[in-house]
Amino acid sequence: MNTGKAVRPGMNVVPSPSSLWERFLEGDRHAFAEIYDSHIDHLFHYGMHFCQDKERVRDCIQDLFQDLWLSREHLTTSIRHIRYYLISSLRRRLLRSLQKDRRWQHRESWEAFEFEFTYPQENKIILEETAAEQQRLLQQALAGLTRRQREAIYLRFYQSLSYEEVAGIMSMQVDSVYNTVSKAISILKKNISLPLLLLLLGK
């Protein structure tokens, strides 16, 4: 389709998330592969934080993408943030899987899991140069947060999701997410220095 805009030879045109999703819905295998490649690491990272069961996480991710492809003709076209949609879908699958597992039925692990933060590569370099005592204080401060606070902080700042998207994933009101994140940051401020807080929040 001619949009009226000239494209210079050799210029790579990066498709928008919406057009990528639309191509996938139309059965474009390359678009589906691009969605998979772009989000698989984020999904696995989130899933491992959620239940720390590698095989369960892998199975749920595999089932998620298999169902996406098979049901693509019935999926909504109004997806604006693909990662939000995928993380939200994976979270529901993990919860259902854990609730069906007898080993987890009498545990609060799926409701009160521990978020152990890991950092993007550039932040790891900074952390390597941080004093051991500062690292200890950072982990200690994170351990002082509730499960819900850690997950909200992780989704908001590590996965760069909006407050509305975090609310959708965690089945919370947007105002409650704001309050949860705000309280978590207030707790962190009392226990770690500003540089470490900014590092944690990716600022």
Foldseek 3Di string as FASTA:
>chain_A
DDPPDDDDPPDDDDDAPLVLLVCLLVPDVVSLVVLCVVAVVVQQLVVCQQQVDNVQSVVLLVVLSVVCNVCSPPDDSPDRDSNLVSNLSSLVSSVVVQCVDPVNVPPCCNVFPAGDDDDDPVLVVVVVVDDPVQVVLQRVLSVPATSLLNQLLCCCQVVVDDLVSSCSSVVHDSVVSVVSPVVSLVSSVVGHPPVVSCSSSVD
